[in-house]
Amino acid sequence: MNLSRRPRSIALVGLGVCFLLGSSACDRGIRESPVRPGPAGNPELREALFDSILAMTARRSAFSLPKQEALGFDPLEEMETLREKFIGADSEDALFDALHRLSNARRDRHLSVSLVEGGIRPTFTPGLPAEYDPQPPDPREAPVRFLPDYGSDAGGFFISDVASSDAGEDLSLGGLDSGDQLVEVNGVPVRELVATLSPYVRHSSIPGLRWKIAEALSRETAILPESFRGESLNLTVEKADGTQAEQSVSYYEPESLQWAGRADPTYSGFEMEWSTPTYDLYLPVAGQRAIVLQWHRFESSSLMEDIDRLVTFGEDQGLLDHAIVFDATRSGGGSLGAYAIQRIQPKPFKTTFGTLRLSDVTEPFVQVKREEFAAKALYDSGGPETVDDGTWLMDWLENDLLEALARGDSVTAPVPFKLAHAPKDSDGILQPTPVHFRGPLVVLSGPNGGSHLDQFMS
């Protein structure tokens, strides 16, 4: 979901509703309202926008029933509870907050709200994604980081790392140290943190939500609500001896902090050989018949090249019979995981299958793919979306998918995921490539792995 900035003489929300509902509906909404549109529109326009977003979500989204059952919620009902707050959002700050919460109510980490050129602009923006700036500056950060305590029944958090200043500045940590359990953050008891912050943090699962909340706590970020943020981070912690301590710590530019790295993965008996955007490779120092891949993400722009490099190196160095420890506990998402699996282990496997929700945006989506295919640019995050030239995907889109749309189907039949590794009529069974690692594969996963890691694991 994008936020569009208002033109000089009309609020952007009004402009957005004009596109969604037609100019006559907008003219009527402005004409009949006793309140003229301001920077965030007027109540009538905001209600029309809310109704439009809800209607488009209902007819376009492919909801996950197992996730809804696991989390005990209905996305549309959850969104509806925000109606009054949305209609009453009479400033740019309030409207951003309302849009942010409305998007997150769907509980899908793939969905986000971004700033765009000419769009509404909240007063405070550090940490917000921006379509006009693919690499916005990182928000300032407190010199303490946190992790969830998954072993705690109370859903606790603890200090996982502390930083010093690269300029030798006193950061006034007041004895805060790794392992200290959080008792209170900015006046919010730790037992209430998840409930307080979950409407503002994109998530698809509760373990993943807690990880992302832990990441956000140390940052001066507009992702978190204004009511929670302060000029400093105010902490109450419980020390190992049971005593409590209070400390207020300032925020600093992230490049000025040097972290102790106490929570970083370490691999005793292994040394790093090289680093790529996809993984870091660690080799044994004492002859162990294993290598370690510290996995960063399934980076489509470089995954195939990085995996091919690994296999070539393994063949040249006599490592193909070594076990691989695949540490994805700090992984991100992406695509092309099956390409890696075919090369880092010796067994056939079945790739995942998926369906596509059919709606009024299906034909425009197919047209975009036609243009990308013609330009030889079927890309996902800057890299190839399929292992072939895209013919498998286009054959399915132009035939099966459009035929299903013409029949009035609401969803397609399942096919190998994204047609990235196999054509539509495949059984999904993929074989190892002729040259591949033959030893055991041990995968370490976790709640911060991204959706593609779930597919990789399955």
Protein backbone atom coordinates (compact mmCIF):
# COMPACT_ATOMS: atom_id res chain seq x y z
CA MET A 1 0.00 0.00 0.00
CA ASN A 2 1.43 3.39 -0.94
CA LEU A 3 0.66 6.81 0.43
CA SER A 4 0.35 9.50 -2.24
CA ARG A 5 1.14 13.12 -1.46
CA ARG A 6 -1.52 15.79 -1.94
CA PRO A 7 -1.36 18.16 -4.92
CA ARG A 8 -1.21 21.89 -4.21
CA SER A 9 -4.94 22.50 -3.94
CA ILE A 10 -6.46 19.13 -2.92
CA ALA A 11 -5.65 16.55 -0.29
CA LEU A 12 -4.10 13.37 -1.60
CA VAL A 13 -6.66 11.21 0.16
CA GLY A 14 -9.30 12.98 -1.91
CA LEU A 15 -7.27 12.37 -5.04
CA GLY A 16 -6.86 8.70 -4.18
CA VAL A 17 -10.58 8.27 -3.67
CA CYS A 18 -11.22 9.99 -7.02
CA PHE A 19 -9.18 7.30 -8.74
CA LEU A 20 -10.94 4.54 -6.82
CA LEU A 21 -14.52 5.75 -6.96
CA GLY A 22 -14.65 8.09 -9.94
CA SER A 23 -14.66 11.86 -10.07
CA SER A 24 -18.43 12.21 -9.59
CA ALA A 25 -18.28 10.39 -6.25
CA CYS A 26 -15.40 12.62 -5.18
CA ASP A 27 -17.15 15.78 -6.32
CA ARG A 28 -20.21 14.73 -4.36
CA GLY A 29 -18.17 13.87 -1.28
CA ILE A 30 -16.49 17.26 -1.32
CA ARG A 31 -19.66 19.16 -2.24
CA GLU A 32 -21.86 17.54 0.39
CA SER A 33 -19.35 17.70 3.23
CA PRO A 34 -19.53 20.64 5.62
CA VAL A 35 -15.77 20.20 6.11
CA ARG A 36 -13.52 21.19 3.23
CA PRO A 37 -10.63 18.80 2.46
CA GLY A 38 -7.45 19.53 4.36
CA PRO A 39 -4.05 17.84 4.03
CA ALA A 40 -5.67 14.54 5.04
CA GLY A 41 -8.96 15.03 3.21
CA ASN A 42 -12.28 15.30 5.07
CA PRO A 43 -14.32 12.67 6.96
CA GLU A 44 -16.44 11.78 3.91
CA LEU A 45 -13.40 11.20 1.71
CA ARG A 46 -11.60 9.21 4.37
CA GLU A 47 -14.67 7.01 4.87
CA ALA A 48 -14.87 6.43 1.11
CA LEU A 49 -11.17 5.57 1.03
CA PHE A 50 -11.58 3.19 3.95
CA ASP A 51 -14.52 1.44 2.27
CA SER A 52 -12.55 1.16 -0.98
CA ILE A 53 -9.49 -0.35 0.73
CA LEU A 54 -11.70 -2.85 2.56
CA ALA A 55 -13.55 -3.80 -0.65
CA MET A 56 -10.35 -4.19 -2.67
CA THR A 57 -8.79 -6.28 0.09
CA ALA A 58 -11.84 -8.57 0.14
CA ARG A 59 -11.86 -9.23 -3.60
CA ARG A 60 -8.10 -9.32 -4.25
CA SER A 61 -6.43 -10.92 -1.25
CA ALA A 62 -5.58 -14.60 -0.94
CA PHE A 63 -6.12 -15.12 2.78
CA SER A 64 -4.41 -17.95 4.64
CA LEU A 65 -7.05 -19.88 6.57
CA PRO A 66 -4.49 -21.92 8.58
CA LYS A 67 -2.83 -18.67 9.70
CA GLN A 68 -6.17 -17.11 10.61
CA GLU A 69 -7.06 -20.19 12.67
CA ALA A 70 -3.66 -20.22 14.37
CA LEU A 71 -3.82 -16.51 15.25
CA GLY A 72 -7.54 -16.50 15.96
CA PHE A 73 -8.52 -13.56 13.78
CA ASP A 74 -10.36 -12.56 10.60
CA PRO A 75 -8.50 -9.92 8.51
CA LEU A 76 -11.59 -8.07 7.30
CA GLU A 77 -13.14 -7.99 10.76
CA GLU A 78 -9.85 -6.76 12.19
CA MET A 79 -9.70 -3.99 9.60
CA GLU A 80 -13.30 -2.98 10.27
CA THR A 81 -12.51 -2.26 13.91
CA LEU A 82 -10.31 0.66 12.73
CA ARG A 83 -13.09 2.46 10.82
CA GLU A 84 -13.74 5.26 13.33
CA LYS A 85 -10.05 5.89 13.91
CA PHE A 86 -9.50 6.09 10.15
CA ILE A 87 -12.40 8.46 9.50
CA GLY A 88 -11.27 10.68 12.37
CA ALA A 89 -7.66 10.91 11.14
CA ASP A 90 -7.72 14.63 10.34
CA SER A 91 -3.95 15.25 10.07
CA GLU A 92 -1.15 13.73 8.03
CA ASP A 93 0.33 12.17 11.17
CA ALA A 94 -3.02 10.68 12.17
CA LEU A 95 -3.76 9.43 8.65
CA PHE A 96 -0.39 7.75 8.36
CA ASP A 97 -0.95 6.09 11.71
CA ALA A 98 -4.39 4.90 10.57
CA LEU A 99 -3.11 3.57 7.24
CA HIS A 100 -0.19 1.88 8.97
CA ARG A 101 -2.49 0.09 11.41
CA LEU A 102 -5.01 -0.77 8.69
CA SER A 103 -2.31 -2.47 6.61
CA ASN A 104 -0.87 -4.35 9.59
CA ALA A 105 -4.33 -5.57 10.60
CA ARG A 106 -4.03 -8.10 7.77
CA ARG A 107 -1.08 -9.70 9.59
CA ASP A 108 0.99 -10.30 6.51
CA ARG A 109 4.64 -9.29 6.72
CA HIS A 110 4.77 -8.91 2.93
CA LEU A 111 2.44 -5.89 3.13
CA SER A 112 3.70 -2.43 4.03
CA VAL A 113 3.00 1.28 3.80
CA SER A 114 5.60 3.38 1.97
CA LEU A 115 6.14 7.08 1.49
CA VAL A 116 6.00 8.30 -2.12
CA GLU A 117 6.85 11.54 -3.90
CA GLY A 118 3.99 13.95 -3.48
CA GLY A 119 2.35 11.79 -0.80
CA ILE A 120 1.29 12.63 2.70
CA ARG A 121 4.30 13.16 4.90
CA PRO A 122 4.22 12.45 8.63
CA THR A 123 6.13 14.85 10.85
CA PHE A 124 8.56 12.09 11.87
CA THR A 125 9.75 9.67 9.17
CA PRO A 126 13.02 7.88 10.19
CA GLY A 127 12.76 4.16 9.55
CA LEU A 128 9.84 4.38 7.11
CA PRO A 129 10.27 2.78 3.67
CA ALA A 130 10.15 5.28 0.80
CA GLU A 131 9.48 4.49 -2.85
CA TYR A 132 11.60 7.48 -3.93
CA ASP A 133 14.62 6.36 -1.88
CA PRO A 134 15.47 2.65 -2.15
CA GLN A 135 18.09 3.02 0.61
CA PRO A 136 16.79 5.55 3.13
CA PRO A 137 19.13 6.35 6.04
CA ASP A 138 18.86 4.10 9.06
CA PRO A 139 17.17 5.63 12.10
CA ARG A 140 19.24 6.56 15.12
CA GLU A 141 19.85 3.73 17.56
CA ALA A 142 20.33 3.31 21.28
CA PRO A 143 23.55 1.49 22.28
CA VAL A 144 21.60 -1.56 23.47
CA ARG A 145 19.94 -4.28 21.43
CA PHE A 146 17.34 -6.83 22.43
CA LEU A 147 16.11 -10.34 21.66
CA PRO A 148 12.93 -12.17 22.67
CA ASP A 149 13.16 -14.68 25.48
CA TYR A 150 11.35 -17.57 23.82
CA GLY A 151 11.88 -19.66 26.93
CA SER A 152 9.85 -17.24 29.01
CA ASP A 153 6.16 -18.00 29.55
CA ALA A 154 5.61 -14.27 30.11
CA GLY A 155 6.89 -13.34 26.63
CA GLY A 156 9.94 -11.53 27.93
CA PHE A 157 12.81 -9.70 26.24
CA PHE A 158 16.43 -9.26 27.27
CA ILE A 159 19.46 -7.16 26.35
CA SER A 160 21.42 -9.12 23.74
CA ASP A 161 24.24 -6.69 22.96
CA VAL A 162 25.70 -3.37 24.02
CA ALA A 163 27.74 -0.84 22.05
CA SER A 164 30.58 1.57 22.65
CA SER A 165 31.26 4.79 20.77
CA ASP A 166 33.84 4.83 18.01
CA ALA A 167 34.84 8.29 19.28
CA GLY A 168 35.32 7.16 22.86
CA GLU A 169 32.20 9.02 24.01
CA ASP A 170 30.57 7.98 27.29
CA LEU A 171 27.29 6.38 26.28
CA SER A 172 25.95 6.38 29.85
CA LEU A 173 24.84 2.76 29.88
CA GLY A 174 24.73 2.82 33.67
CA GLY A 175 25.73 -0.82 34.02
CA LEU A 176 23.27 -2.18 31.45
CA ASP A 177 24.68 -5.43 30.11
CA SER A 178 23.86 -8.43 27.98
CA GLY A 179 21.46 -10.80 29.70
CA ASP A 180 19.58 -8.15 31.65
CA GLN A 181 15.86 -8.91 31.50
CA LEU A 182 13.54 -6.09 30.47
CA VAL A 183 10.97 -5.07 33.06
CA GLU A 184 9.68 -1.85 31.46
CA VAL A 185 10.37 0.14 28.27
CA ASN A 186 9.32 3.79 27.98
CA GLY A 187 6.80 3.28 30.75
CA VAL A 188 5.24 0.13 29.23
CA PRO A 189 5.57 -3.06 31.33
CA VAL A 190 7.25 -5.83 29.37
CA ARG A 191 4.17 -8.05 29.67
CA GLU A 192 2.23 -5.40 27.69
CA LEU A 193 4.85 -4.71 25.00
CA VAL A 194 3.54 -7.15 22.39
CA ALA A 195 -0.07 -6.00 22.74
CA THR A 196 0.99 -2.33 22.68
CA LEU A 197 3.28 -2.52 19.65
CA SER A 198 1.82 -5.34 17.52
CA PRO A 199 -0.55 -3.00 15.58
CA TYR A 200 2.53 -1.13 14.32
CA VAL A 201 4.86 -4.01 13.42
CA ARG A 202 4.34 -6.05 10.25
CA HIS A 203 4.08 -9.73 11.07
CA SER A 204 2.69 -13.07 9.97
CA SER A 205 3.36 -15.03 13.17
CA ILE A 206 3.70 -14.32 16.89
CA PRO A 207 7.32 -15.58 17.17
CA GLY A 208 8.25 -13.42 14.17
CA LEU A 209 6.39 -10.45 15.66
CA ARG A 210 8.33 -10.71 18.90
CA TRP A 211 11.63 -10.81 16.99
CA LYS A 212 10.72 -7.68 15.02
CA ILE A 213 9.55 -5.86 18.15
CA ALA A 214 12.90 -6.66 19.76
CA GLU A 215 14.71 -5.20 16.74
CA ALA A 216 12.59 -2.05 16.78
CA LEU A 217 12.90 -1.31 20.49
CA SER A 218 16.42 0.09 20.23
CA ARG A 219 15.65 2.29 17.21
CA GLU A 220 14.25 5.80 17.07
CA THR A 221 11.88 4.78 14.33
CA ALA A 222 8.56 6.10 13.04
CA ILE A 223 7.40 2.49 12.76
CA LEU A 224 6.60 2.69 16.47
CA PRO A 225 3.77 4.95 17.64
CA GLU A 226 4.42 8.50 18.77
CA SER A 227 2.87 7.68 22.15
CA PHE A 228 5.64 5.13 22.74
CA ARG A 229 8.63 7.01 21.35
CA GLY A 230 10.69 9.43 23.41
CA GLU A 231 13.81 11.55 23.05
CA SER A 232 15.67 8.74 24.83
CA LEU A 233 15.09 5.06 25.56
CA ASN A 234 13.98 4.59 29.15
CA LEU A 235 14.60 1.12 30.51
CA THR A 236 13.96 -0.79 33.71
CA VAL A 237 15.84 -4.10 33.80
CA GLU A 238 16.27 -7.00 36.17
CA LYS A 239 19.87 -8.07 36.75
CA ALA A 240 21.04 -11.64 37.23
CA ASP A 241 20.97 -11.21 41.02
CA GLY A 242 17.29 -10.18 40.96
CA THR A 243 17.85 -6.48 41.59
CA GLN A 244 16.29 -3.89 39.32
CA ALA A 245 17.94 -0.89 37.69
CA GLU A 246 16.61 2.07 35.73
CA GLN A 247 18.53 3.80 32.96
CA SER A 248 17.79 6.35 30.23
CA VAL A 249 20.01 5.99 27.17
CA SER A 250 20.34 8.39 24.23
CA TYR A 251 20.08 7.64 20.51
CA TYR A 252 23.11 7.85 18.19
CA GLU A 253 23.82 7.65 14.49
CA PRO A 254 24.23 3.91 13.80
CA GLU A 255 27.63 4.30 12.14
CA SER A 256 29.03 5.79 15.35
CA LEU A 257 28.34 2.64 17.41
CA GLN A 258 30.68 -0.31 17.80
CA TRP A 259 28.84 -3.44 18.91
CA ALA A 260 30.33 -6.12 21.13
CA GLY A 261 28.70 -8.76 18.91
CA ARG A 262 27.75 -10.97 21.86
CA ALA A 263 24.63 -12.32 20.13
CA ASP A 264 26.25 -12.86 16.73
CA PRO A 265 26.55 -16.48 15.56
CA THR A 266 30.00 -17.98 16.13
CA TYR A 267 31.36 -21.26 14.80
CA SER A 268 34.14 -22.68 16.94
CA GLY A 269 36.64 -24.61 14.85
CA PHE A 270 35.70 -22.84 11.60
CA GLU A 271 37.07 -19.79 9.82
CA MET A 272 35.37 -17.61 7.23
CA GLU A 273 36.58 -18.26 3.68
CA TRP A 274 34.46 -15.63 1.91
CA SER A 275 31.27 -13.61 2.13
CA THR A 276 28.55 -13.11 -0.49
CA PRO A 277 25.14 -11.36 -0.42
CA THR A 278 23.60 -14.83 -0.07
CA TYR A 279 25.79 -16.49 2.57
CA ASP A 280 29.13 -16.51 4.39
CA LEU A 281 31.23 -19.65 3.91
CA TYR A 282 33.14 -21.09 6.89
CA LEU A 283 35.69 -23.87 6.45
CA PRO A 284 37.03 -26.26 9.13
CA VAL A 285 40.41 -25.48 10.69
CA ALA A 286 41.11 -28.95 12.11
CA GLY A 287 40.04 -31.30 9.33
CA GLN A 288 36.37 -31.69 10.26
CA ARG A 289 34.36 -33.04 7.35
CA ALA A 290 31.84 -30.22 7.41
CA ILE A 291 31.41 -26.68 6.20
CA VAL A 292 29.13 -23.93 7.55
CA LEU A 293 26.95 -21.60 5.52
CA GLN A 294 25.76 -18.62 7.49
CA TRP A 295 22.76 -17.79 5.31
CA HIS A 296 21.78 -14.14 4.81
CA ARG A 297 18.82 -14.36 2.44
CA PHE A 298 17.59 -16.02 -0.75
CA GLU A 299 18.91 -13.12 -2.80
CA SER A 300 17.59 -13.64 -6.33
CA SER A 301 20.02 -11.12 -7.82
CA SER A 302 23.00 -13.26 -6.81
CA LEU A 303 21.83 -16.63 -5.43
CA MET A 304 22.48 -18.69 -8.56
CA GLU A 305 25.94 -17.18 -9.04
CA ASP A 306 26.80 -17.58 -5.35
CA ILE A 307 25.65 -21.22 -5.21
CA ASP A 308 27.47 -22.07 -8.47
CA ARG A 309 30.62 -20.57 -6.96
CA LEU A 310 30.20 -22.76 -3.87
CA VAL A 311 29.73 -25.97 -5.90
CA THR A 312 32.74 -25.21 -8.12
CA PHE A 313 34.87 -24.50 -5.05
CA GLY A 314 33.63 -27.67 -3.37
CA GLU A 315 34.55 -29.75 -6.41
CA ASP A 316 37.99 -28.14 -6.76
CA GLN A 317 38.79 -28.50 -3.04
CA GLY A 318 37.39 -32.02 -2.56
CA LEU A 319 34.59 -30.85 -0.26
CA LEU A 320 31.54 -32.35 -1.99
CA ASP A 321 31.29 -35.23 0.53
CA HIS A 322 31.41 -32.85 3.50
CA ALA A 323 28.33 -32.19 5.59
CA ILE A 324 26.80 -28.72 5.31
CA VAL A 325 25.55 -26.86 8.36
CA PHE A 326 23.09 -24.37 6.92
CA ASP A 327 22.54 -21.67 9.56
CA ALA A 328 19.45 -19.70 8.55
CA THR A 329 18.61 -18.39 12.04
CA ARG A 330 19.26 -14.81 10.81
CA SER A 331 18.02 -15.31 7.26
CA GLY A 332 15.74 -13.14 5.19
CA GLY A 333 13.27 -14.19 2.51
CA GLY A 334 13.57 -14.09 -1.27
CA SER A 335 13.25 -16.79 -3.92
CA LEU A 336 15.04 -19.57 -5.85
CA GLY A 337 15.60 -21.76 -2.79
CA ALA A 338 15.03 -24.91 -4.85
CA TYR A 339 18.02 -23.93 -7.01
CA ALA A 340 20.18 -24.13 -3.90
CA ILE A 341 18.66 -27.41 -2.65
CA GLN A 342 19.45 -29.13 -5.95
CA ARG A 343 23.13 -28.38 -5.39
CA ILE A 344 23.80 -28.63 -1.65
CA GLN A 345 22.31 -32.08 -0.90
CA PRO A 346 22.03 -35.44 -2.75
CA LYS A 347 18.34 -36.40 -2.73
CA PRO A 348 15.36 -35.71 -5.03
CA PHE A 349 12.73 -33.49 -3.43
CA LYS A 350 9.35 -32.01 -4.21
CA THR A 351 9.19 -28.25 -4.60
CA THR A 352 6.29 -26.30 -3.15
CA PHE A 353 3.13 -25.53 -5.12
CA GLY A 354 0.99 -22.40 -5.07
CA THR A 355 -2.20 -20.84 -6.39
CA LEU A 356 -3.06 -17.30 -7.46
CA ARG A 357 -6.15 -15.35 -6.42
CA LEU A 358 -8.02 -14.06 -9.49
CA SER A 359 -9.54 -10.58 -9.45
CA ASP A 360 -9.78 -7.30 -11.32
CA VAL A 361 -5.99 -6.84 -11.10
CA THR A 362 -5.17 -10.16 -12.78
CA GLU A 363 -5.18 -8.91 -16.37
CA PRO A 364 -3.02 -5.85 -15.61
CA PHE A 365 -0.63 -8.18 -13.78
CA VAL A 366 -0.39 -10.46 -16.83
CA GLN A 367 0.28 -7.45 -19.05
CA VAL A 368 3.15 -6.39 -16.81
CA LYS A 369 4.62 -9.87 -17.07
CA ARG A 370 4.24 -9.79 -20.88
CA GLU A 371 6.25 -6.59 -21.01
CA GLU A 372 8.92 -7.93 -18.64
CA PHE A 373 9.18 -11.16 -20.65
CA ALA A 374 9.52 -9.25 -23.92
CA ALA A 375 12.27 -7.14 -22.38
CA LYS A 376 13.97 -10.26 -20.94
CA ALA A 377 13.48 -8.72 -17.48
CA LEU A 378 11.34 -11.17 -15.47
CA TYR A 379 13.05 -10.09 -12.29
CA ASP A 380 12.37 -10.54 -8.59
CA SER A 381 14.28 -8.08 -6.34
CA GLY A 382 16.76 -7.33 -9.07
CA GLY A 383 17.44 -10.91 -10.15
CA PRO A 384 15.89 -13.55 -12.41
CA GLU A 385 12.53 -14.81 -11.20
CA THR A 386 12.79 -18.20 -12.93
CA VAL A 387 15.58 -20.63 -13.78
CA ASP A 388 14.43 -20.79 -17.40
CA ASP A 389 13.84 -17.73 -19.58
CA GLY A 390 10.32 -17.28 -18.25
CA THR A 391 8.57 -19.43 -20.85
CA TRP A 392 7.08 -21.75 -18.21
CA LEU A 393 5.51 -18.83 -16.38
CA MET A 394 4.22 -17.09 -19.49
CA ASP A 395 2.69 -20.29 -20.89
CA TRP A 396 0.69 -20.69 -17.67
CA LEU A 397 -0.30 -17.02 -17.48
CA GLU A 398 -1.43 -16.74 -21.11
CA ASN A 399 -3.38 -19.98 -21.11
CA ASP A 400 -4.42 -21.63 -17.85
CA LEU A 401 -4.66 -18.48 -15.78
CA LEU A 402 -6.56 -16.33 -18.29
CA GLU A 403 -8.89 -19.23 -19.05
CA ALA A 404 -9.63 -19.59 -15.33
CA LEU A 405 -10.31 -15.86 -15.14
CA ALA A 406 -12.70 -16.06 -18.11
CA ARG A 407 -14.58 -18.91 -16.42
CA GLY A 408 -15.09 -16.77 -13.36
CA ASP A 409 -12.87 -18.88 -11.10
CA SER A 410 -11.71 -17.15 -7.93
CA VAL A 411 -8.40 -18.99 -7.71
CA THR A 412 -6.14 -20.96 -10.04
CA ALA A 413 -5.27 -24.62 -9.80
CA PRO A 414 -1.99 -25.25 -7.93
CA VAL A 415 1.24 -25.25 -9.94
CA PRO A 416 4.92 -25.43 -8.99
CA PHE A 417 5.60 -22.22 -7.08
CA LYS A 418 5.93 -19.23 -9.45
CA LEU A 419 6.80 -21.70 -12.25
CA ALA A 420 10.35 -20.82 -11.21
CA HIS A 421 11.85 -24.32 -11.31
CA ALA A 422 9.42 -26.48 -13.28
CA PRO A 423 6.60 -26.14 -15.86
CA LYS A 424 2.89 -26.23 -14.98
CA ASP A 425 2.40 -29.95 -15.74
CA SER A 426 5.36 -31.05 -13.59
CA ASP A 427 4.89 -33.23 -10.53
CA GLY A 428 7.29 -30.89 -8.76
CA ILE A 429 9.96 -33.53 -8.16
CA LEU A 430 13.39 -31.97 -8.69
CA GLN A 431 16.61 -33.96 -9.02
CA PRO A 432 20.04 -32.95 -7.77
CA THR A 433 22.25 -31.45 -10.45
CA PRO A 434 25.05 -33.63 -11.89
CA VAL A 435 27.60 -31.94 -9.61
CA HIS A 436 26.33 -31.43 -6.07
CA PHE A 437 27.25 -31.83 -2.41
CA ARG A 438 26.70 -35.41 -1.30
CA GLY A 439 27.05 -35.20 2.47
CA PRO A 440 24.38 -34.62 5.14
CA LEU A 441 22.56 -31.29 5.23
CA VAL A 442 21.68 -29.81 8.63
CA VAL A 443 19.44 -26.71 8.53
CA LEU A 444 19.10 -24.41 11.53
CA SER A 445 15.96 -22.31 11.26
CA GLY A 446 14.26 -19.70 13.41
CA PRO A 447 11.50 -17.09 13.65
CA ASN A 448 13.42 -14.48 11.65
CA GLY A 449 13.79 -16.52 8.50
CA GLY A 450 11.29 -15.02 6.07
CA SER A 451 8.53 -16.79 4.17
CA HIS A 452 10.85 -18.36 1.60
CA LEU A 453 12.80 -20.08 4.34
CA ASP A 454 9.54 -21.79 5.31
CA GLN A 455 9.27 -23.10 1.75
CA PHE A 456 12.93 -24.11 1.78
CA MET A 457 12.41 -26.06 5.00
CA SER A 458 9.26 -27.76 3.73
